[in-house]
PDB file of N, CA and C in Angstrom:
ATOM      1  N   MET A   1       0.739  -1.074   0.167  1.00  0.00           N
ATOM      2  CA  MET A   1       0.099   0.068   0.326  1.00  0.00           C
ATOM      3  C   MET A   1       0.495   1.222  -0.045  1.00  0.00           C
ATOM      4  N   GLU A   2       2.099   1.282   0.586  1.00  0.00           N
ATOM      5  CA  GLU A   2       3.004   2.442   0.605  1.00  0.00           C
ATOM      6  C   GLU A   2       3.058   2.748  -0.738  1.00  0.00           C
ATOM      7  N   GLY A   3       3.357   2.023  -1.899  1.00  0.00           N
ATOM      8  CA  GLY A   3       3.937   2.357  -3.106  1.00  0.00           C
ATOM      9  C   GLY A   3       2.487   3.363  -3.658  1.00  0.00           C
ATOM     10  N   ARG A   4       1.279   2.467  -3.508  1.00  0.00           N
ATOM     11  CA  ARG A   4       0.159   3.481  -3.979  1.00  0.00           C
ATOM     12  C   ARG A   4       0.069   4.914  -3.382  1.00  0.00           C
ATOM     13  N   GLU A   5       0.549   5.068  -2.085  1.00  0.00           N
ATOM     14  CA  GLU A   5       0.241   6.042  -1.270  1.00  0.00           C
ATOM     15  C   GLU A   5       1.051   7.266  -1.962  1.00  0.00           C
ATOM     16  N   GLN A   6       2.447   6.592  -2.178  1.00  0.00           N
ATOM     17  CA  GLN A   6       3.152   7.649  -2.290  1.00  0.00           C
ATOM     18  C   GLN A   6       2.659   7.983  -4.070  1.00  0.00           C
ATOM     19  N   ARG A   7       2.123   7.247  -4.920  1.00  0.00           N
ATOM     20  CA  ARG A   7       1.913   7.609  -6.128  1.00  0.00           C
ATOM     21  C   ARG A   7       0.683   8.581  -6.099  1.00  0.00           C
ATOM     22  N   LEU A   8      -0.041   8.805  -5.134  1.00  0.00           N
ATOM     23  CA  LEU A   8      -1.194   9.445  -4.650  1.00  0.00           C
ATOM     24  C   LEU A   8      -0.532  10.763  -4.344  1.00  0.00           C
ATOM     25  N   LEU A   9       0.360  10.714  -3.701  1.00  0.00           N
ATOM     26  CA  LEU A   9       0.877  11.941  -3.003  1.00  0.00           C
ATOM     27  C   LEU A   9       1.455  12.689  -3.777  1.00  0.00           C
ATOM     28  N   HIS A  10       2.182  12.049  -5.067  1.00  0.00           N
ATOM     29  CA  HIS A  10       2.729  12.158  -5.949  1.00  0.00           C
ATOM     30  C   HIS A  10       2.258  12.645  -7.718  1.00  0.00           C
ATOM     31  N   ALA A  11       1.001  12.305  -7.360  1.00  0.00           N
ATOM     32  CA  ALA A  11       0.303  12.436  -8.836  1.00  0.00           C
ATOM     33  C   ALA A  11       0.614  13.418  -9.660  1.00  0.00           C
ATOM     34  N   SER A  12       0.223  14.798  -9.471  1.00  0.00           N
ATOM     35  CA  SER A  12       0.421  15.740 -10.579  1.00  0.00           C
ATOM     36  C   SER A  12       0.605  17.161  -9.767  1.00  0.00           C
ATOM     37  N   PRO A  13       1.219  17.839 -10.629  1.00  0.00           N
ATOM     38  CA  PRO A  13       1.461  19.411  -9.859  1.00  0.00           C
ATOM     39  C   PRO A  13      -0.027  19.994  -9.826  1.00  0.00           C
ATOM     40  N   ARG A  14      -1.156  19.294 -10.099  1.00  0.00           N
ATOM     41  CA  ARG A  14      -2.212  20.114  -9.905  1.00  0.00           C
ATOM     42  C   ARG A  14      -2.555  20.051  -8.141  1.00  0.00           C
ATOM     43  N   HIS A  15      -3.739  20.647  -7.966  1.00  0.00           N
ATOM     44  CA  HIS A  15      -4.171  20.820  -6.663  1.00  0.00           C
ATOM     45  C   HIS A  15      -5.023  19.338  -6.404  1.00  0.00           C
ATOM     46  N   ASP A  16      -4.445  18.227  -6.417  1.00  0.00           N
ATOM     47  CA  ASP A  16      -4.741  16.902  -5.618  1.00  0.00           C
ATOM     48  C   ASP A  16      -5.047  16.838  -4.146  1.00  0.00           C
ATOM     49  N   PHE A  17      -5.718  16.073  -3.745  1.00  0.00           N
ATOM     50  CA  PHE A  17      -5.546  15.860  -2.260  1.00  0.00           C
ATOM     51  C   PHE A  17      -6.021  14.444  -2.262  1.00  0.00           C
ATOM     52  N   VAL A  18      -5.627  14.005  -1.050  1.00  0.00           N
ATOM     53  CA  VAL A  18      -5.535  12.216  -0.624  1.00  0.00           C
ATOM     54  C   VAL A  18      -6.898  12.389   0.458  1.00  0.00           C
ATOM     55  N   ILE A  19      -7.644  11.349   0.620  1.00  0.00           N
ATOM     56  CA  ILE A  19      -8.424  10.856   1.625  1.00  0.00           C
ATOM     57  C   ILE A  19      -7.778   9.655   2.206  1.00  0.00           C
ATOM     58  N   TYR A  20      -7.556   9.911   3.758  1.00  0.00           N
ATOM     59  CA  TYR A  20      -7.225   8.644   4.271  1.00  0.00           C
ATOM     60  C   TYR A  20      -8.575   8.520   5.274  1.00  0.00           C
ATOM     61  N   VAL A  21      -8.636   7.044   4.980  1.00  0.00           N
ATOM     62  CA  VAL A  21      -9.942   6.438   5.614  1.00  0.00           C
ATOM     63  C   VAL A  21      -9.404   5.824   7.047  1.00  0.00           C
ATOM     64  N   ILE A  22      -9.763   6.417   8.580  1.00  0.00           N
ATOM     65  CA  ILE A  22      -9.217   5.698   9.511  1.00  0.00           C
ATOM     66  C   ILE A  22     -10.306   5.256  10.481  1.00  0.00           C
ATOM     67  N   ALA A  23      -9.979   4.198  10.879  1.00  0.00           N
ATOM     68  CA  ALA A  23     -10.906   3.202  11.822  1.00  0.00           C
ATOM     69  C   ALA A  23     -11.329   3.902  12.902  1.00  0.00           C
ATOM     70  N   LEU A  24     -12.508   3.853  13.134  1.00  0.00           N
ATOM     71  CA  LEU A  24     -13.093   4.492  14.824  1.00  0.00           C
ATOM     72  C   LEU A  24     -12.119   3.859  15.563  1.00  0.00           C
ATOM     73  N   SER A  25     -12.195   2.866  15.850  1.00  0.00           N
ATOM     74  CA  SER A  25     -11.603   2.330  17.099  1.00  0.00           C
ATOM     75  C   SER A  25     -10.156   2.571  16.906  1.00  0.00           C
ATOM     76  N   ASN A  26      -9.131   3.039  16.054  1.00  0.00           N
ATOM     77  CA  ASN A  26      -8.482   3.453  16.499  1.00  0.00           C
ATOM     78  C   ASN A  26      -8.350   5.051  16.769  1.00  0.00           C
ATOM     79  N   ILE A  27      -9.500   6.032  16.661  1.00  0.00           N
ATOM     80  CA  ILE A  27      -9.433   7.008  17.187  1.00  0.00           C
ATOM     81  C   ILE A  27      -9.708   6.964  18.484  1.00  0.00           C
ATOM     82  N   LYS A  28     -10.733   6.254  18.831  1.00  0.00           N
ATOM     83  CA  LYS A  28     -11.130   5.565  20.269  1.00  0.00           C
ATOM     84  C   LYS A  28      -9.782   5.447  21.061  1.00  0.00           C
ATOM     85  N   ARG A  29      -9.052   4.189  20.941  1.00  0.00           N
ATOM     86  CA  ARG A  29      -7.931   3.940  21.169  1.00  0.00           C
ATOM     87  C   ARG A  29      -7.006   5.304  21.525  1.00  0.00           C
ATOM     88  N   TYR A  30      -6.691   5.676  20.580  1.00  0.00           N
ATOM     89  CA  TYR A  30      -5.858   7.123  20.901  1.00  0.00           C
ATOM     90  C   TYR A  30      -6.316   8.352  21.608  1.00  0.00           C
ATOM     91  N   MET A  31      -7.838   8.717  21.394  1.00  0.00           N
ATOM     92  CA  MET A  31      -8.200   9.212  22.465  1.00  0.00           C
ATOM     93  C   MET A  31      -8.446   8.850  24.167  1.00  0.00           C
ATOM     94  N   SER A  32      -8.677   7.527  24.149  1.00  0.00           N
ATOM     95  CA  SER A  32      -8.566   6.930  25.580  1.00  0.00           C
ATOM     96  C   SER A  32      -6.876   6.994  26.278  1.00  0.00           C
ATOM     97  N   ILE A  33      -6.279   6.739  25.342  1.00  0.00           N
ATOM     98  CA  ILE A  33      -4.873   6.824  25.933  1.00  0.00           C
ATOM     99  C   ILE A  33      -4.512   8.214  26.169  1.00  0.00           C
ATOM    100  N   GLU A  34      -5.123   9.133  25.077  1.00  0.00           N
ATOM    101  CA  GLU A  34      -4.622  10.297  25.526  1.00  0.00           C
ATOM    102  C   GLU A  34      -5.264  10.913  26.705  1.00  0.00           C
ATOM    103  N   PHE A  35      -6.544  10.750  26.824  1.00  0.00           N
ATOM    104  CA  PHE A  35      -7.158  11.379  28.009  1.00  0.00           C
ATOM    105  C   PHE A  35      -6.830  10.581  29.158  1.00  0.00           C
ATOM    106  N   ILE A  36      -7.124   9.612  29.797  1.00  0.00           N
ATOM    107  CA  ILE A  36      -6.911   8.916  30.422  1.00  0.00           C
ATOM    108  C   ILE A  36      -5.450   8.486  31.086  1.00  0.00           C
ATOM    109  N   GLY A  37      -4.541   8.411  29.746  1.00  0.00           N
ATOM    110  CA  GLY A  37      -3.340   8.326  29.917  1.00  0.00           C
ATOM    111  C   GLY A  37      -2.606   9.740  31.055  1.00  0.00           C
ATOM    112  N   GLY A  38      -3.264  10.861  30.166  1.00  0.00           N
ATOM    113  CA  GLY A  38      -2.793  12.246  30.734  1.00  0.00           C
ATOM    114  C   GLY A  38      -3.432  12.541  31.959  1.00  0.00           C
ATOM    115  N   THR A  39      -4.399  12.042  32.295  1.00  0.00           N
ATOM    116  CA  THR A  39      -4.865  12.632  33.444  1.00  0.00           C
ATOM    117  C   THR A  39      -4.217  11.744  34.666  1.00  0.00           C
ATOM    118  N   CYS A  40      -4.120  10.621  34.237  1.00  0.00           N
ATOM    119  CA  CYS A  40      -3.494   9.731  35.508  1.00  0.00           C
ATOM    120  C   CYS A  40      -1.791  10.241  35.731  1.00  0.00           C
ATOM    121  N   GLY A  41      -1.316  10.737  34.539  1.00  0.00           N
ATOM    122  CA  GLY A  41       0.238  10.982  34.748  1.00  0.00           C
ATOM    123  C   GLY A  41       0.007  12.169  35.538  1.00  0.00           C
ATOM    124  N   PHE A  42      -1.109  13.343  35.240  1.00  0.00           N
ATOM    125  CA  PHE A  42      -0.580  14.262  35.884  1.00  0.00           C
ATOM    126  C   PHE A  42      -0.978  14.141  37.704  1.00  0.00           C
ATOM    127  N   ILE A  43      -2.086  13.359  37.732  1.00  0.00           N
ATOM    128  CA  ILE A  43      -2.559  13.126  39.231  1.00  0.00           C
ATOM    129  C   ILE A  43      -1.317  12.442  39.996  1.00  0.00           C
ATOM    130  N   ILE A  44      -0.716  11.699  39.548  1.00  0.00           N
ATOM    131  CA  ILE A  44       0.163  10.759  39.971  1.00  0.00           C
ATOM    132  C   ILE A  44       1.615  11.319  40.177  1.00  0.00           C
ATOM    133  N   ALA A  45       1.699  12.425  39.182  1.00  0.00           N
ATOM    134  CA  ALA A  45       3.120  13.162  39.007  1.00  0.00           C
ATOM    135  C   ALA A  45       3.085  14.686  39.849  1.00  0.00           C
ATOM    136  N   SER A  46       1.929  15.189  39.930  1.00  0.00           N
ATOM    137  CA  SER A  46       1.591  16.197  40.789  1.00  0.00           C
ATOM    138  C   SER A  46       1.439  15.885  42.347  1.00  0.00           C
ATOM    139  N   HIS A  47       0.966  14.808  42.682  1.00  0.00           N
ATOM    140  CA  HIS A  47       0.771  14.130  44.121  1.00  0.00           C
ATOM    141  C   HIS A  47       2.013  13.786  44.626  1.00  0.00           C
ATOM    142  N   ALA A  48       2.823  12.801  43.759  1.00  0.00           N
ATOM    143  CA  ALA A  48       3.953  12.232  44.453  1.00  0.00           C
ATOM    144  C   ALA A  48       4.947  13.374  44.581  1.00  0.00           C
ATOM    145  N   MET A  49       5.192  14.354  43.720  1.00  0.00           N
ATOM    146  CA  MET A  49       6.131  15.709  43.650  1.00  0.00           C
ATOM    147  C   MET A  49       5.810  16.774  44.221  1.00  0.00           C
ATOM    148  N   HIS A  50       4.214  16.682  44.661  1.00  0.00           N
ATOM    149  CA  HIS A  50       3.873  18.261  45.080  1.00  0.00           C
ATOM    150  C   HIS A  50       3.829  19.522  44.377  1.00  0.00           C
ATOM    151  N   SER A  51       4.221  18.813  42.874  1.00  0.00           N
ATOM    152  CA  SER A  51       4.334  20.235  42.146  1.00  0.00           C
ATOM    153  C   SER A  51       3.596  20.169  41.143  1.00  0.00           C
ATOM    154  N   GLU A  52       2.714  21.411  40.719  1.00  0.00           N
ATOM    155  CA  GLU A  52       1.658  21.295  39.504  1.00  0.00           C
ATOM    156  C   GLU A  52       2.561  21.226  38.508  1.00  0.00           C
ATOM    157  N   LEU A  53       4.066  21.677  38.232  1.00  0.00           N
ATOM    158  CA  LEU A  53       4.926  22.134  37.089  1.00  0.00           C
ATOM    159  C   LEU A  53       5.135  20.341  36.554  1.00  0.00           C
ATOM    160  N   LEU A  54       5.801  19.492  37.564  1.00  0.00           N
ATOM    161  CA  LEU A  54       6.053  17.942  37.246  1.00  0.00           C
ATOM    162  C   LEU A  54       4.614  17.724  36.897  1.00  0.00           C
ATOM    163  N   GLY A  55       3.287  17.900  37.574  1.00  0.00           N
ATOM    164  CA  GLY A  55       2.210  17.097  37.037  1.00  0.00           C
ATOM    165  C   GLY A  55       1.490  17.466  35.725  1.00  0.00           C
ATOM    166  N   THR A  56       2.198  18.628  35.133  1.00  0.00           N
ATOM    167  CA  THR A  56       1.942  18.966  33.620  1.00  0.00           C
ATOM    168  C   THR A  56       3.006  18.172  32.612  1.00  0.00           C
ATOM    169  N   ILE A  57       4.153  18.032  33.193  1.00  0.00           N
ATOM    170  CA  ILE A  57       5.030  17.219  32.681  1.00  0.00           C
ATOM    171  C   ILE A  57       4.752  15.804  32.511  1.00  0.00           C
ATOM    172  N   GLY A  58       4.069  14.972  33.442  1.00  0.00           N
ATOM    173  CA  GLY A  58       3.597  13.990  33.927  1.00  0.00           C
ATOM    174  C   GLY A  58       2.437  13.544  32.864  1.00  0.00           C
ATOM    175  N   SER A  59       1.751  14.656  32.661  1.00  0.00           N
ATOM    176  CA  SER A  59       0.584  14.535  31.492  1.00  0.00           C
ATOM    177  C   SER A  59       0.869  14.480  30.382  1.00  0.00           C
ATOM    178  N   ILE A  60       2.256  14.786  29.944  1.00  0.00           N
ATOM    179  CA  ILE A  60       2.294  14.944  28.693  1.00  0.00           C
ATOM    180  C   ILE A  60       3.702  13.624  28.411  1.00  0.00           C
ATOM    181  N   LEU A  61       4.217  13.155  29.481  1.00  0.00           N
ATOM    182  CA  LEU A  61       5.132  11.748  29.133  1.00  0.00           C
ATOM    183  C   LEU A  61       4.186  10.925  29.193  1.00  0.00           C
ATOM    184  N   ALA A  62       2.823  10.548  30.254  1.00  0.00           N
ATOM    185  CA  ALA A  62       2.375   9.360  30.224  1.00  0.00           C
ATOM    186  C   ALA A  62       1.892   8.538  28.966  1.00  0.00           C
ATOM    187  N   PRO A  63       0.824   9.662  28.026  1.00  0.00           N
ATOM    188  CA  PRO A  63       0.562   8.758  27.321  1.00  0.00           C
ATOM    189  C   PRO A  63       1.575   8.179  25.998  1.00  0.00           C
ATOM    190  N   VAL A  64       2.794   9.134  26.256  1.00  0.00           N
ATOM    191  CA  VAL A  64       3.792   8.431  24.998  1.00  0.00           C
ATOM    192  C   VAL A  64       4.422   7.264  25.700  1.00  0.00           C
ATOM    193  N   LEU A  65       4.215   6.953  27.354  1.00  0.00           N
ATOM    194  CA  LEU A  65       5.368   5.845  27.537  1.00  0.00           C
ATOM    195  C   LEU A  65       4.257   4.868  27.494  1.00  0.00           C
ATOM    196  N   ILE A  66       2.797   5.296  27.489  1.00  0.00           N
ATOM    197  CA  ILE A  66       1.689   4.190  27.390  1.00  0.00           C
ATOM    198  C   ILE A  66       2.068   3.602  25.844  1.00  0.00           C
ATOM    199  N   ARG A  67       2.254   4.248  24.870  1.00  0.00           N
ATOM    200  CA  ARG A  67       1.841   4.023  23.375  1.00  0.00           C
ATOM    201  C   ARG A  67       3.181   3.162  23.253  1.00  0.00           C
ATOM    202  N   LEU A  68       4.553   3.705  23.999  1.00  0.00           N
ATOM    203  CA  LEU A  68       5.715   2.818  23.789  1.00  0.00           C
ATOM    204  C   LEU A  68       5.345   1.708  23.986  1.00  0.00           C
ATOM    205  N   VAL A  69       4.962   1.325  25.467  1.00  0.00           N
ATOM    206  CA  VAL A  69       4.874   0.185  26.235  1.00  0.00           C
ATOM    207  C   VAL A  69       3.565  -0.954  25.470  1.00  0.00           C
ATOM    208  N   LEU A  70       2.664  -0.288  24.691  1.00  0.00           N
ATOM    209  CA  LEU A  70       1.811  -1.386  24.110  1.00  0.00           C
ATOM    210  C   LEU A  70       2.487  -1.482  22.437  1.00  0.00           C
ATOM    211  N   LYS A  71       3.407  -0.679  22.028  1.00  0.00           N
ATOM    212  CA  LYS A  71       3.848  -1.246  21.103  1.00  0.00           C
ATOM    213  C   LYS A  71       4.816  -2.431  21.178  1.00  0.00           C
ATOM    214  N   TRP A  72       5.595  -2.230  22.645  1.00  0.00           N
ATOM    215  CA  TRP A  72       6.512  -3.170  22.582  1.00  0.00           C
ATOM    216  C   TRP A  72       5.787  -4.527  22.874  1.00  0.00           C
ATOM    217  N   GLN A  73       4.608  -4.581  23.317  1.00  0.00           N
ATOM    218  CA  GLN A  73       4.190  -5.907  23.648  1.00  0.00           C
ATOM    219  C   GLN A  73       3.645  -6.158  22.649  1.00  0.00           C
ATOM    220  N   GLU A  74       3.075  -5.369  21.361  1.00  0.00           N
ATOM    221  CA  GLU A  74       2.758  -5.871  20.166  1.00  0.00           C
ATOM    222  C   GLU A  74       3.968  -6.959  19.781  1.00  0.00           C
ATOM    223  N   ARG A  75       5.174  -6.239  19.603  1.00  0.00           N
ATOM    224  CA  ARG A  75       6.574  -6.977  19.061  1.00  0.00           C
ATOM    225  C   ARG A  75       6.775  -8.111  19.599  1.00  0.00           C
ATOM    226  N   ILE A  76       6.740  -8.090  20.906  1.00  0.00           N
ATOM    227  CA  ILE A  76       7.093  -9.429  21.810  1.00  0.00           C
ATOM    228  C   ILE A  76       5.842 -10.419  21.699  1.00  0.00           C
ATOM    229  N   SER A  77       4.572 -10.032  21.743  1.00  0.00           N
ATOM    230  CA  SER A  77       3.628 -10.979  20.889  1.00  0.00           C
ATOM    231  C   SER A  77       3.770 -11.699  19.466  1.00  0.00           C
ATOM    232  N   GLU A  78       4.057 -10.768  18.637  1.00  0.00           N
ATOM    233  CA  GLU A  78       4.474 -11.140  17.472  1.00  0.00           C
ATOM    234  C   GLU A  78       5.770 -12.112  16.764  1.00  0.00           C
ATOM    235  N   PHE A  79       6.772 -11.505  18.311  1.00  0.00           N
ATOM    236  CA  PHE A  79       8.057 -12.728  18.170  1.00  0.00           C
ATOM    237  C   PHE A  79       7.462 -13.991  18.632  1.00  0.00           C
ATOM    238  N   VAL A  80       6.816 -14.078  19.556  1.00  0.00           N
ATOM    239  CA  VAL A  80       6.452 -15.367  20.460  1.00  0.00           C
ATOM    240  C   VAL A  80       5.668 -16.088  19.338  1.00  0.00           C
ATOM    241  N   GLU A  81       4.844 -15.721  18.813  1.00  0.00           N
ATOM    242  CA  GLU A  81       3.725 -16.060  17.902  1.00  0.00           C
ATOM    243  C   GLU A  81       4.733 -16.780  16.578  1.00  0.00           C
ATOM    244  N   ARG A  82       5.531 -16.063  16.029  1.00  0.00           N
ATOM    245  CA  ARG A  82       6.316 -16.319  15.049  1.00  0.00           C
ATOM    246  C   ARG A  82       7.424 -17.495  15.422  1.00  0.00           C
ATOM    247  N   SER A  83       7.796 -17.543  16.977  1.00  0.00           N
ATOM    248  CA  SER A  83       9.186 -18.394  17.247  1.00  0.00           C
ATOM    249  C   SER A  83       8.343 -19.903  17.672  1.00  0.00           C
ATOM    250  N   LEU A  84       7.238 -19.990  18.054  1.00  0.00           N
ATOM    251  CA  LEU A  84       6.555 -20.917  18.740  1.00  0.00           C
ATOM    252  C   LEU A  84       5.995 -22.240  17.543  1.00  0.00           C
ATOM    253  N   PRO A  85       6.422 -23.525  17.417  1.00  0.00           N
ATOM    254  CA  PRO A  85       6.081 -24.397  16.697  1.00  0.00           C
ATOM    255  C   PRO A  85       4.318 -24.046  16.368  1.00  0.00           C
ATOM    256  N   ARG A  86       4.386 -24.616  15.075  1.00  0.00           N
ATOM    257  CA  ARG A  86       2.970 -24.627  14.744  1.00  0.00           C
ATOM    258  C   ARG A  86       2.470 -26.006  15.109  1.00  0.00           C
ATOM    259  N   PHE A  87       1.280 -25.922  16.077  1.00  0.00           N
ATOM    260  CA  PHE A  87       0.833 -26.879  16.492  1.00  0.00           C
ATOM    261  C   PHE A  87      -0.191 -27.649  15.694  1.00  0.00           C
ATOM    262  N   SER A  88      -0.854 -26.564  15.033  1.00  0.00           N
ATOM    263  CA  SER A  88      -2.463 -27.265  14.044  1.00  0.00           C
ATOM    264  C   SER A  88      -1.729 -27.873  12.889  1.00  0.00           C
ATOM    265  N   LEU A  89      -0.246 -28.089  12.835  1.00  0.00           N
ATOM    266  CA  LEU A  89       0.189 -29.231  11.557  1.00  0.00           C
ATOM    267  C   LEU A  89      -0.239 -30.496  12.329  1.00  0.00           C
ATOM    268  N   LEU A  90      -0.212 -30.606  13.426  1.00  0.00           N
ATOM    269  CA  LEU A  90      -0.322 -31.870  14.181  1.00  0.00           C
ATOM    270  C   LEU A  90      -1.381 -32.430  13.975  1.00  0.00           C
ATOM    271  N   PHE A  91      -2.630 -31.541  13.877  1.00  0.00           N
ATOM    272  CA  PHE A  91      -4.137 -32.388  14.282  1.00  0.00           C
ATOM    273  C   PHE A  91      -4.383 -31.893  12.855  1.00  0.00           C
TER     274      PHE A  91
END
């Protein structure tokens, strides 16, 4: 799909535009990570350090760290899935 997207982006010098379709589940996941992670990061950092400045920093960093952990878990699960022998071939 990358080649097609690149062709669409560089189609012609006219004023063309590209429409991206994003699944609603991805938007809901992003928003929940941002709102819940940011709020929790603010509350935990501000109460732990007794500083509103560190709470603001925590609200910025928490969603980024949550997304990093989720990507890491996805990579680990894909690696385990590929490395396990295929038991379905036995049955």
